[in-house]
Amino acid sequence: MSKKQITPEEEEGPEELCIIDTLVEEHCNQNMQDKLNESLVDFEEGLSESPTVLATLQSWRKIEEILPLFNKEEEAAAEKEIPKLNLKPYLWS
């Protein structure tokens, strides 16, 4: 790569910036994919299981699930134990 000075007339416009952004993103994605593939090769070398187990592991995906704050019994107990407010009148002096 040459170190050429960019003059104001040669500055990148929105289209060039979009292309640069796309190229950088593709490069980063490729680097991540390469690292994942290297890790998978390391994993495969260390795995002494059958190929069917490996094929199953490769197809697994993370499933996000929102877990409840309480289980059903705790939730029912919490609903029954709603505290009652004991309000007293405020005395103005």
Protein backbone atom coordinates (compact mmCIF):
# COMPACT_ATOMS: atom_id res chain seq x y z
CA MET A 1 0.00 0.00 0.00
CA SER A 2 1.34 3.41 -0.84
CA LYS A 3 1.17 6.33 1.53
CA LYS A 4 -0.42 8.91 -0.73
CA GLN A 5 -1.66 12.18 0.69
CA ILE A 6 -5.39 12.67 0.13
CA THR A 7 -6.28 16.11 -1.09
CA PRO A 8 -9.71 17.63 -0.38
CA GLU A 9 -10.73 16.97 -3.98
CA GLU A 10 -9.96 13.24 -3.59
CA GLU A 11 -11.88 12.61 -0.35
CA GLU A 12 -14.17 9.61 -0.33
CA GLY A 13 -17.84 10.18 -0.88
CA PRO A 14 -20.70 8.20 0.67
CA GLU A 15 -20.49 5.46 -1.97
CA GLU A 16 -16.78 4.90 -1.39
CA LEU A 17 -17.28 4.91 2.37
CA CYS A 18 -20.05 2.33 2.02
CA ILE A 19 -17.78 0.11 -0.07
CA ILE A 20 -14.95 0.49 2.45
CA ASP A 21 -17.31 -0.32 5.32
CA THR A 22 -18.57 -3.40 3.49
CA LEU A 23 -15.02 -4.60 2.76
CA VAL A 24 -13.96 -4.13 6.38
CA GLU A 25 -17.04 -5.98 7.61
CA GLU A 26 -16.44 -8.87 5.20
CA HIS A 27 -12.78 -9.03 6.25
CA CYS A 28 -13.72 -9.17 9.95
CA ASN A 29 -16.36 -11.82 9.30
CA GLN A 30 -13.86 -13.90 7.34
CA ASN A 31 -11.31 -13.62 10.15
CA MET A 32 -13.89 -14.76 12.70
CA GLN A 33 -14.94 -17.64 10.45
CA ASP A 34 -11.30 -18.69 10.02
CA LYS A 35 -10.73 -18.65 13.78
CA LEU A 36 -13.90 -20.65 14.36
CA ASN A 37 -12.82 -23.19 11.76
CA GLU A 38 -9.40 -23.49 13.41
CA SER A 39 -11.08 -24.03 16.78
CA LEU A 40 -13.37 -26.64 15.26
CA VAL A 41 -10.38 -28.48 13.79
CA ASP A 42 -8.70 -28.43 17.22
CA PHE A 43 -11.93 -29.69 18.75
CA GLU A 44 -12.30 -32.45 16.16
CA GLU A 45 -8.73 -33.59 16.77
CA GLY A 46 -9.34 -33.82 20.50
CA LEU A 47 -12.73 -35.48 20.19
CA SER A 48 -12.69 -39.25 20.29
CA GLU A 49 -16.42 -39.66 19.60
CA SER A 50 -18.02 -40.95 16.43
CA PRO A 51 -18.60 -38.66 13.41
CA THR A 52 -22.36 -38.64 14.02
CA VAL A 53 -21.86 -36.94 17.39
CA LEU A 54 -19.68 -34.33 15.73
CA ALA A 55 -22.29 -33.73 13.02
CA THR A 56 -24.90 -33.22 15.74
CA LEU A 57 -22.73 -30.72 17.61
CA GLN A 58 -22.12 -28.67 14.47
CA SER A 59 -25.84 -28.25 13.84
CA TRP A 60 -26.67 -27.06 17.37
CA ARG A 61 -27.72 -23.46 17.76
CA LYS A 62 -28.13 -21.34 20.86
CA ILE A 63 -31.79 -20.97 21.78
CA GLU A 64 -32.58 -17.93 23.84
CA GLU A 65 -35.35 -18.39 26.36
CA ILE A 66 -36.68 -15.88 28.83
CA LEU A 67 -36.90 -17.62 32.18
CA PRO A 68 -39.62 -16.66 34.67
CA LEU A 69 -38.61 -14.69 37.74
CA PHE A 70 -40.48 -17.10 40.03
CA ASN A 71 -41.59 -20.66 39.63
CA LYS A 72 -45.36 -21.20 39.65
CA GLU A 73 -45.58 -22.07 43.35
CA GLU A 74 -43.57 -19.01 44.41
CA GLU A 75 -45.61 -16.79 42.09
CA ALA A 76 -48.90 -18.07 43.54
CA ALA A 77 -47.61 -17.53 47.09
CA ALA A 78 -46.46 -14.02 46.23
CA GLU A 79 -49.88 -13.16 44.80
CA LYS A 80 -51.59 -14.38 47.98
CA GLU A 81 -49.26 -12.43 50.26
CA ILE A 82 -49.97 -8.95 48.92
CA PRO A 83 -49.16 -6.58 51.78
CA LYS A 84 -51.94 -4.30 52.95
CA LEU A 85 -51.12 -0.68 53.55
CA ASN A 86 -51.88 0.70 56.97
CA LEU A 87 -52.48 4.38 56.23
CA LYS A 88 -52.71 6.88 59.07
CA PRO A 89 -53.95 10.43 58.68
CA TYR A 90 -51.31 13.12 58.63
CA LEU A 91 -51.72 15.72 61.36
CA TRP A 92 -51.15 19.28 60.22
CA SER A 93 -49.70 21.53 62.88
